[in-house]
Amino acid sequence: MEPVAKQTGAWGWSRADWALVGLWLAVLAVLTGTTLLRGGTDDATLGAVARHAARSGLLVFALAFSAAALEQLFGGAIPRRLLAHRSQLGFAFGLSHLLFLGTNVTRVFVHYGGDFFALRPPIAWAAGGTIYLFIVAMMITSFPAPALRLGRLRWKVLHTIGGWSILLTFLNSYGQRALTRPAYLPWAAVAVAVLAVRGAAAWKQCPARCAAVIAACRRRCFGG
């Protein structure tokens, strides 16, 4: 949610807000715990924990990043509730991806002798590090007090650029894998659906501007 002056509890969140985050922490704990109980701490099992964290995070991110667009397109109680809890959903997504990062760092030290580049190439760590800077900054400014200090305009810039960067990362990661591994098709479809919903909302809000952007992209890509 955009920064507001009203503060209702710890860091400006109500008990219901914290309960939502606590529920998501419980979900992550169950997913992680059951996976580790089945497979131990070998590399394949830790990799599965990381995948569960990333995929569950995508679902929560999809709800948070499409909430405003869904409310604009359809209205109704469910989109309004998603929009009202967008900050908590975004924070929950951040927790999922901190688990993803922590699990992969654990894999590096437990199974790869501390060699980060044995698990992922340097470009992957560099790109991922940039995304995590956005994630952490967005998590911090999910709370009203830090958001107010940042200011409305800078808050909007941070969350817009960060949100689109995260979505494009999901599209690239799952989209490439889906081309050769059908198991990734549902996750790629979720990312594409978020893109479609955001695009439809933008078109509804300003069709002339969207048409001009599409025409400009077509000319740049295909000429004419």
Protein backbone atom coordinates (compact mmCIF):
# COMPACT_ATOMS: atom_id res chain seq x y z
CA MET A 1 0.00 0.00 0.00
CA GLU A 2 1.09 3.60 -0.49
CA PRO A 3 2.31 5.41 2.63
CA VAL A 4 -0.37 6.70 4.97
CA ALA A 5 -0.16 8.69 8.16
CA LYS A 6 -2.36 6.50 10.33
CA GLN A 7 -0.51 4.08 12.59
CA THR A 8 -2.43 1.23 14.19
CA GLY A 9 0.17 -0.87 15.98
CA ALA A 10 3.77 -2.05 15.84
CA TRP A 11 5.39 -0.31 12.88
CA GLY A 12 1.94 0.90 11.83
CA TRP A 13 0.43 -2.55 11.26
CA SER A 14 -2.60 -3.95 13.06
CA ARG A 15 -2.77 -7.36 14.69
CA ALA A 16 -4.64 -8.65 11.64
CA ASP A 17 -1.80 -7.47 9.41
CA TRP A 18 0.78 -9.26 11.54
CA ALA A 19 -1.45 -12.34 11.71
CA LEU A 20 -1.39 -12.55 7.90
CA VAL A 21 2.41 -12.44 7.89
CA GLY A 22 2.52 -14.98 10.72
CA LEU A 23 0.27 -17.30 8.74
CA TRP A 24 2.64 -17.11 5.80
CA LEU A 25 5.63 -17.83 8.05
CA ALA A 26 3.78 -20.93 9.25
CA VAL A 27 3.21 -22.02 5.64
CA LEU A 28 6.92 -21.60 4.87
CA ALA A 29 7.85 -23.48 8.04
CA VAL A 30 5.61 -26.41 7.09
CA LEU A 31 6.91 -26.53 3.51
CA THR A 32 10.52 -26.36 4.65
CA GLY A 33 10.12 -28.73 7.58
CA THR A 34 8.33 -31.48 5.65
CA THR A 35 10.86 -31.27 2.80
CA LEU A 36 13.83 -31.56 5.17
CA LEU A 37 12.20 -34.39 7.13
CA ARG A 38 11.73 -36.38 3.92
CA GLY A 39 15.16 -35.76 2.40
CA GLY A 40 17.57 -34.55 5.07
CA THR A 41 20.08 -31.86 4.20
CA ASP A 42 21.63 -33.21 1.03
CA ASP A 43 22.05 -30.81 -1.88
CA ALA A 44 18.99 -32.03 -3.78
CA THR A 45 16.75 -31.55 -0.75
CA LEU A 46 18.06 -28.06 -0.02
CA GLY A 47 17.53 -27.27 -3.70
CA ALA A 48 13.92 -28.41 -3.30
CA VAL A 49 13.50 -26.13 -0.28
CA ALA A 50 14.79 -23.21 -2.37
CA ARG A 51 12.40 -24.05 -5.22
CA HIS A 52 9.43 -24.27 -2.86
CA ALA A 53 10.34 -20.88 -1.41
CA ALA A 54 10.64 -19.28 -4.86
CA ARG A 55 7.44 -20.77 -6.24
CA SER A 56 5.35 -19.98 -3.18
CA GLY A 57 6.83 -16.48 -3.25
CA LEU A 58 5.72 -16.07 -6.86
CA LEU A 59 2.11 -16.80 -5.88
CA VAL A 60 2.14 -14.19 -3.12
CA PHE A 61 3.94 -11.69 -5.35
CA ALA A 62 1.29 -12.24 -8.05
CA LEU A 63 -1.46 -11.29 -5.59
CA ALA A 64 0.42 -8.23 -4.32
CA PHE A 65 1.56 -6.88 -7.68
CA SER A 66 -1.78 -7.40 -9.44
CA ALA A 67 -4.02 -6.24 -6.57
CA ALA A 68 -4.50 -2.68 -7.79
CA ALA A 69 -5.01 -3.82 -11.38
CA LEU A 70 -7.60 -6.43 -10.34
CA GLU A 71 -9.50 -3.83 -8.33
CA GLN A 72 -9.45 -1.44 -11.28
CA LEU A 73 -10.60 -4.09 -13.75
CA PHE A 74 -13.20 -5.97 -11.72
CA GLY A 75 -13.82 -4.26 -8.39
CA GLY A 76 -15.48 -6.40 -5.75
CA ALA A 77 -14.66 -7.46 -2.22
CA ILE A 78 -11.75 -9.82 -2.96
CA PRO A 79 -9.65 -7.36 -5.01
CA ARG A 80 -10.33 -4.67 -2.40
CA ARG A 81 -9.11 -6.94 0.38
CA LEU A 82 -6.01 -7.85 -1.61
CA LEU A 83 -5.33 -4.18 -2.14
CA ALA A 84 -5.86 -3.41 1.54
CA HIS A 85 -3.28 -6.06 2.48
CA ARG A 86 -0.87 -5.47 -0.39
CA SER A 87 1.91 -4.37 1.96
CA GLN A 88 1.64 -7.56 4.01
CA LEU A 89 1.54 -9.72 0.88
CA GLY A 90 4.63 -7.97 -0.45
CA PHE A 91 6.40 -8.46 2.88
CA ALA A 92 5.45 -12.15 2.85
CA PHE A 93 6.91 -12.46 -0.64
CA GLY A 94 10.13 -10.93 0.65
CA LEU A 95 10.27 -13.53 3.44
CA SER A 96 9.92 -16.31 0.87
CA HIS A 97 12.81 -14.99 -1.13
CA LEU A 98 14.99 -14.43 1.90
CA LEU A 99 14.41 -18.12 2.60
CA PHE A 100 15.36 -18.88 -1.00
CA LEU A 101 18.58 -16.87 -0.64
CA GLY A 102 19.43 -18.31 2.76
CA THR A 103 18.92 -21.86 1.53
CA ASN A 104 21.19 -21.35 -1.47
CA VAL A 105 23.89 -19.73 0.68
CA THR A 106 23.64 -22.75 2.99
CA ARG A 107 24.09 -25.04 -0.01
CA VAL A 108 27.23 -23.15 -0.99
CA PHE A 109 28.90 -23.70 2.38
CA VAL A 110 27.60 -27.20 3.10
CA HIS A 111 27.99 -28.79 -0.34
CA TYR A 112 30.23 -26.53 -2.44
CA GLY A 113 33.06 -25.69 -0.07
CA GLY A 114 32.14 -22.02 0.11
CA ASP A 115 32.55 -21.55 -3.66
CA PHE A 116 29.54 -19.44 -4.65
CA PHE A 117 30.36 -19.67 -8.35
CA ALA A 118 30.22 -23.47 -8.24
CA LEU A 119 26.48 -23.18 -7.62
CA ARG A 120 25.67 -20.20 -9.86
CA PRO A 121 27.75 -18.16 -12.34
CA PRO A 122 28.89 -14.67 -11.29
CA ILE A 123 26.29 -12.94 -13.46
CA ALA A 124 23.50 -14.81 -11.67
CA TRP A 125 24.73 -13.69 -8.24
CA ALA A 126 25.18 -10.11 -9.48
CA ALA A 127 21.72 -9.93 -11.04
CA GLY A 128 20.14 -11.65 -8.06
CA GLY A 129 21.92 -9.30 -5.67
CA THR A 130 20.43 -6.30 -7.44
CA ILE A 131 16.94 -7.78 -7.18
CA TYR A 132 17.48 -8.47 -3.49
CA LEU A 133 18.39 -4.84 -2.89
CA PHE A 134 14.95 -3.96 -4.24
CA ILE A 135 13.26 -6.70 -2.20
CA VAL A 136 14.80 -5.60 1.09
CA ALA A 137 14.11 -1.92 0.41
CA MET A 138 10.51 -2.72 -0.49
CA MET A 139 10.09 -4.85 2.63
CA ILE A 140 11.33 -2.03 4.86
CA THR A 141 9.08 0.53 3.19
CA SER A 142 6.07 -1.77 3.47
CA PHE A 143 5.70 -0.28 6.94
CA PRO A 144 4.02 3.14 7.19
CA ALA A 145 6.77 4.86 9.20
CA PRO A 146 9.68 4.16 6.80
CA ALA A 147 7.36 4.78 3.84
CA LEU A 148 6.45 8.22 5.17
CA ARG A 149 10.12 9.06 5.67
CA LEU A 150 10.86 8.01 2.10
CA GLY A 151 8.05 10.15 0.69
CA ARG A 152 5.14 9.31 -1.57
CA LEU A 153 6.88 9.89 -4.91
CA ARG A 154 10.09 8.03 -4.06
CA TRP A 155 8.03 5.23 -2.51
CA LYS A 156 6.07 4.88 -5.75
CA VAL A 157 9.23 4.89 -7.87
CA LEU A 158 10.88 2.25 -5.68
CA HIS A 159 7.91 -0.10 -5.62
CA THR A 160 7.10 0.35 -9.31
CA ILE A 161 10.64 -0.26 -10.56
CA GLY A 162 11.22 -3.00 -7.99
CA GLY A 163 7.93 -4.74 -8.78
CA TRP A 164 8.52 -4.76 -12.52
CA SER A 165 12.11 -5.92 -12.06
CA ILE A 166 10.93 -8.84 -9.96
CA LEU A 167 8.18 -9.74 -12.45
CA LEU A 168 10.61 -9.66 -15.39
CA THR A 169 13.00 -11.86 -13.42
CA PHE A 170 10.24 -14.41 -12.88
CA LEU A 171 9.25 -14.25 -16.55
CA ASN A 172 12.83 -14.79 -17.68
CA SER A 173 13.60 -17.55 -15.18
CA TYR A 174 10.45 -19.63 -15.48
CA GLY A 175 9.83 -18.77 -19.12
CA GLN A 176 13.21 -20.11 -20.23
CA ARG A 177 12.83 -23.26 -18.17
CA ALA A 178 9.29 -23.85 -19.43
CA LEU A 179 10.57 -24.09 -23.01
CA THR A 180 12.30 -27.38 -22.26
CA ARG A 181 10.82 -28.49 -18.91
CA PRO A 182 7.00 -28.69 -18.87
CA ALA A 183 6.92 -28.77 -15.05
CA TYR A 184 7.72 -25.05 -15.12
CA LEU A 185 4.79 -24.16 -17.40
CA PRO A 186 2.33 -23.40 -14.54
CA TRP A 187 4.80 -21.02 -12.90
CA ALA A 188 5.55 -19.28 -16.17
CA ALA A 189 1.78 -18.99 -16.72
CA VAL A 190 1.36 -17.24 -13.35
CA ALA A 191 3.99 -14.66 -14.29
CA VAL A 192 2.41 -14.13 -17.72
CA ALA A 193 -1.02 -13.75 -16.09
CA VAL A 194 0.29 -10.98 -13.84
CA LEU A 195 1.74 -9.23 -16.88
CA ALA A 196 -1.58 -9.56 -18.71
CA VAL A 197 -3.61 -8.20 -15.79
CA ARG A 198 -1.29 -5.23 -15.35
CA GLY A 199 -1.37 -4.56 -19.08
CA ALA A 200 -5.15 -4.75 -19.25
CA ALA A 201 -5.49 -2.32 -16.36
CA ALA A 202 -3.06 0.10 -17.99
CA TRP A 203 -5.01 -0.10 -21.26
CA LYS A 204 -8.29 0.57 -19.46
CA GLN A 205 -6.83 3.58 -17.68
CA CYS A 206 -5.19 5.16 -20.72
CA PRO A 207 -5.83 3.32 -24.00
CA ALA A 208 -4.43 6.06 -26.23
CA ARG A 209 -1.08 6.14 -24.44
CA CYS A 210 -0.86 2.34 -24.44
CA ALA A 211 -1.64 2.19 -28.15
CA ALA A 212 1.09 4.76 -28.83
CA VAL A 213 3.63 2.75 -26.82
CA ILE A 214 2.72 -0.47 -28.64
CA ALA A 215 3.00 1.26 -32.01
CA ALA A 216 6.39 2.71 -31.10
CA CYS A 217 7.64 -0.73 -29.99
CA ARG A 218 6.38 -2.29 -33.21
CA ARG A 219 8.16 0.33 -35.32
CA ARG A 220 11.39 -0.13 -33.36
CA CYS A 221 11.26 -3.92 -33.62
CA PHE A 222 9.90 -4.38 -37.15
CA GLY A 223 10.39 -1.04 -38.85
CA GLY A 224 7.82 0.78 -40.90
